[in-house]
Amino acid sequence: MIIRVKVTPKAAKDEVLGQMEDGTWKVKVTAVPEKGKANEAVCELFAAYFKVPITRVSIVSGQTSPFKHVRIHK
C-alpha cells in the first residue's frame, strides 16, 4: 500500500497522529530534516506502527518535501 504523509520534523516526540479528512497521514518526528534523518525516522515510525520490518517501508516520493508518499509492504 502507498500512503500520503505530512511530516513535521524537529518535534518533541515521534508519533503518528492519524489520518486527516483527505486521507493524508500526519506524523511528527524528532529528527531534523538533514541528510535524510527525518525520512529515516518516518520509515522507522511506520514500521513500528504497522508492525513490519523497516526493510518493508520506503519513501517513494517527496524526499525533500514535508508531503511524502510512503510504501508499506505488508
N, C-alpha and C. Protein backbone atom coordinates (compact mmCIF):
# COMPACT_ATOMS: atom_id res chain seq x y z
N MET A 1 0.84 -1.17 0.00
CA MET A 1 0.00 0.00 0.00
C MET A 1 0.89 1.24 0.00
N ILE A 2 0.39 2.30 -0.60
CA ILE A 2 1.10 3.58 -0.60
C ILE A 2 0.20 4.59 0.09
N ILE A 3 0.79 5.29 1.06
CA ILE A 3 0.02 6.29 1.80
C ILE A 3 0.67 7.66 1.64
N ARG A 4 -0.15 8.69 1.69
CA ARG A 4 0.34 10.07 1.65
C ARG A 4 0.54 10.52 3.09
N VAL A 5 1.69 11.17 3.34
CA VAL A 5 2.07 11.52 4.70
C VAL A 5 2.49 12.98 4.76
N LYS A 6 2.06 13.68 5.80
CA LYS A 6 2.52 15.04 6.12
C LYS A 6 3.43 14.91 7.34
N VAL A 7 4.69 15.28 7.18
CA VAL A 7 5.69 15.10 8.24
C VAL A 7 6.04 16.45 8.87
N THR A 8 6.07 16.46 10.19
CA THR A 8 6.56 17.61 10.94
C THR A 8 7.85 17.18 11.63
N PRO A 9 9.01 17.69 11.16
CA PRO A 9 10.28 17.33 11.80
C PRO A 9 10.55 18.19 13.03
N LYS A 10 11.57 17.84 13.77
CA LYS A 10 12.02 18.57 14.97
C LYS A 10 10.91 18.70 16.02
N ALA A 11 10.11 17.66 16.15
CA ALA A 11 9.02 17.65 17.14
C ALA A 11 9.55 17.20 18.50
N ALA A 12 8.72 17.31 19.51
CA ALA A 12 9.11 16.90 20.86
C ALA A 12 9.21 15.38 20.98
N LYS A 13 8.39 14.64 20.20
CA LYS A 13 8.46 13.19 20.22
C LYS A 13 7.98 12.63 18.89
N ASP A 14 8.37 11.37 18.63
CA ASP A 14 7.93 10.69 17.42
C ASP A 14 6.53 10.15 17.65
N GLU A 15 5.60 10.47 16.75
CA GLU A 15 4.25 9.95 16.90
C GLU A 15 3.46 10.01 15.60
N VAL A 16 2.58 9.03 15.45
CA VAL A 16 1.61 9.01 14.35
C VAL A 16 0.35 9.65 14.91
N LEU A 17 -0.07 10.75 14.32
CA LEU A 17 -1.24 11.48 14.80
C LEU A 17 -2.54 10.98 14.19
N GLY A 18 -2.44 10.18 13.13
CA GLY A 18 -3.63 9.64 12.48
C GLY A 18 -3.85 10.24 11.11
N GLN A 19 -5.01 9.97 10.57
CA GLN A 19 -5.35 10.44 9.23
C GLN A 19 -6.20 11.70 9.29
N MET A 20 -5.94 12.60 8.34
CA MET A 20 -6.75 13.80 8.19
C MET A 20 -7.97 13.45 7.33
N GLU A 21 -8.85 14.38 7.15
CA GLU A 21 -10.08 14.13 6.39
C GLU A 21 -9.81 13.70 4.95
N ASP A 22 -8.72 14.18 4.36
CA ASP A 22 -8.41 13.83 2.97
C ASP A 22 -7.65 12.51 2.84
N GLY A 23 -7.44 11.80 3.96
CA GLY A 23 -6.75 10.52 3.93
C GLY A 23 -5.26 10.61 4.16
N THR A 24 -4.72 11.81 4.22
CA THR A 24 -3.29 12.00 4.47
C THR A 24 -2.98 11.67 5.93
N TRP A 25 -1.93 10.90 6.14
CA TRP A 25 -1.49 10.59 7.49
C TRP A 25 -0.63 11.74 8.00
N LYS A 26 -0.78 12.09 9.25
CA LYS A 26 0.01 13.16 9.85
C LYS A 26 0.92 12.54 10.90
N VAL A 27 2.24 12.85 10.80
CA VAL A 27 3.20 12.31 11.76
C VAL A 27 4.15 13.40 12.21
N LYS A 28 4.73 13.20 13.39
CA LYS A 28 5.77 14.07 13.92
C LYS A 28 6.98 13.22 14.23
N VAL A 29 8.16 13.75 13.91
CA VAL A 29 9.41 13.05 14.24
C VAL A 29 10.37 14.03 14.90
N THR A 30 11.19 13.52 15.78
CA THR A 30 12.16 14.36 16.48
C THR A 30 13.38 14.69 15.61
N ALA A 31 13.60 13.90 14.59
CA ALA A 31 14.78 14.08 13.73
C ALA A 31 14.70 15.38 12.94
N VAL A 32 15.88 15.89 12.60
CA VAL A 32 15.97 17.10 11.78
C VAL A 32 15.90 16.71 10.31
N PRO A 33 15.42 17.61 9.46
CA PRO A 33 15.33 17.29 8.03
C PRO A 33 16.65 17.52 7.30
N GLU A 34 17.68 16.85 7.75
CA GLU A 34 19.01 16.98 7.13
C GLU A 34 19.57 15.60 6.84
N LYS A 35 20.13 15.44 5.66
CA LYS A 35 20.80 14.20 5.26
C LYS A 35 19.90 12.97 5.42
N GLY A 36 18.61 13.13 5.21
CA GLY A 36 17.68 12.01 5.23
C GLY A 36 17.30 11.51 6.62
N LYS A 37 17.70 12.23 7.67
CA LYS A 37 17.42 11.76 9.03
C LYS A 37 15.92 11.72 9.32
N ALA A 38 15.18 12.73 8.92
CA ALA A 38 13.74 12.74 9.15
C ALA A 38 13.05 11.65 8.33
N ASN A 39 13.49 11.43 7.10
CA ASN A 39 12.92 10.38 6.26
C ASN A 39 13.14 9.01 6.91
N GLU A 40 14.33 8.79 7.43
CA GLU A 40 14.63 7.53 8.10
C GLU A 40 13.73 7.35 9.33
N ALA A 41 13.53 8.43 10.06
CA ALA A 41 12.67 8.37 11.25
C ALA A 41 11.22 8.05 10.85
N VAL A 42 10.76 8.60 9.74
CA VAL A 42 9.41 8.32 9.26
C VAL A 42 9.27 6.82 8.94
N CYS A 43 10.25 6.27 8.27
CA CYS A 43 10.21 4.84 7.93
C CYS A 43 10.21 3.99 9.20
N GLU A 44 11.05 4.33 10.16
CA GLU A 44 11.10 3.59 11.42
C GLU A 44 9.76 3.68 12.16
N LEU A 45 9.17 4.87 12.15
CA LEU A 45 7.90 5.09 12.84
C LEU A 45 6.79 4.24 12.22
N PHE A 46 6.69 4.23 10.89
CA PHE A 46 5.64 3.46 10.24
C PHE A 46 5.91 1.96 10.33
N ALA A 47 7.16 1.55 10.33
CA ALA A 47 7.47 0.13 10.52
C ALA A 47 6.95 -0.35 11.87
N ALA A 48 7.18 0.45 12.90
CA ALA A 48 6.69 0.09 14.23
C ALA A 48 5.16 0.16 14.29
N TYR A 49 4.58 1.17 13.70
CA TYR A 49 3.13 1.37 13.74
C TYR A 49 2.38 0.22 13.05
N PHE A 50 2.88 -0.19 11.87
CA PHE A 50 2.23 -1.26 11.12
C PHE A 50 2.80 -2.64 11.43
N LYS A 51 3.77 -2.69 12.36
CA LYS A 51 4.37 -3.95 12.81
C LYS A 51 4.95 -4.75 11.65
N VAL A 52 5.78 -4.06 10.85
CA VAL A 52 6.50 -4.71 9.75
C VAL A 52 7.99 -4.36 9.90
N PRO A 53 8.88 -5.16 9.31
CA PRO A 53 10.30 -4.81 9.35
C PRO A 53 10.56 -3.50 8.60
N ILE A 54 11.56 -2.77 9.04
CA ILE A 54 11.86 -1.49 8.40
C ILE A 54 12.21 -1.66 6.92
N THR A 55 12.69 -2.82 6.54
CA THR A 55 13.02 -3.08 5.14
C THR A 55 11.78 -3.11 4.27
N ARG A 56 10.59 -3.18 4.88
CA ARG A 56 9.32 -3.22 4.14
C ARG A 56 8.69 -1.84 3.99
N VAL A 57 9.40 -0.79 4.44
CA VAL A 57 8.88 0.57 4.38
C VAL A 57 9.86 1.44 3.58
N SER A 58 9.34 2.21 2.63
CA SER A 58 10.22 3.09 1.85
C SER A 58 9.45 4.34 1.41
N ILE A 59 10.20 5.40 1.20
CA ILE A 59 9.62 6.64 0.70
C ILE A 59 9.77 6.64 -0.81
N VAL A 60 8.65 6.73 -1.52
CA VAL A 60 8.69 6.65 -2.97
C VAL A 60 8.69 8.02 -3.64
N SER A 61 8.24 9.05 -2.91
CA SER A 61 8.33 10.41 -3.45
C SER A 61 8.25 11.41 -2.31
N GLY A 62 8.79 12.60 -2.55
CA GLY A 62 8.74 13.65 -1.56
C GLY A 62 9.90 13.65 -0.60
N GLN A 63 11.05 13.13 -1.02
CA GLN A 63 12.21 13.04 -0.13
C GLN A 63 12.60 14.37 0.50
N THR A 64 12.39 15.48 -0.19
CA THR A 64 12.77 16.79 0.35
C THR A 64 11.56 17.65 0.68
N SER A 65 10.40 17.05 0.72
CA SER A 65 9.15 17.78 0.98
C SER A 65 8.52 17.28 2.28
N PRO A 66 7.72 18.12 2.94
CA PRO A 66 7.00 17.61 4.11
C PRO A 66 5.89 16.64 3.72
N PHE A 67 5.44 16.69 2.47
CA PHE A 67 4.43 15.75 1.98
C PHE A 67 5.14 14.63 1.24
N LYS A 68 4.91 13.40 1.65
CA LYS A 68 5.61 12.24 1.09
C LYS A 68 4.61 11.15 0.74
N HIS A 69 5.03 10.27 -0.14
CA HIS A 69 4.31 9.03 -0.40
C HIS A 69 5.17 7.90 0.14
N VAL A 70 4.62 7.13 1.06
CA VAL A 70 5.36 6.07 1.72
C VAL A 70 4.73 4.72 1.32
N ARG A 71 5.60 3.80 0.88
CA ARG A 71 5.13 2.46 0.51
C ARG A 71 5.38 1.54 1.70
N ILE A 72 4.34 0.76 2.04
CA ILE A 72 4.44 -0.22 3.12
C ILE A 72 4.04 -1.57 2.54
N HIS A 73 4.98 -2.49 2.53
CA HIS A 73 4.72 -3.86 2.06
C HIS A 73 4.35 -4.70 3.26
N LYS A 74 3.13 -5.18 3.30
CA LYS A 74 2.69 -6.00 4.44
C LYS A 74 2.97 -7.45 4.18
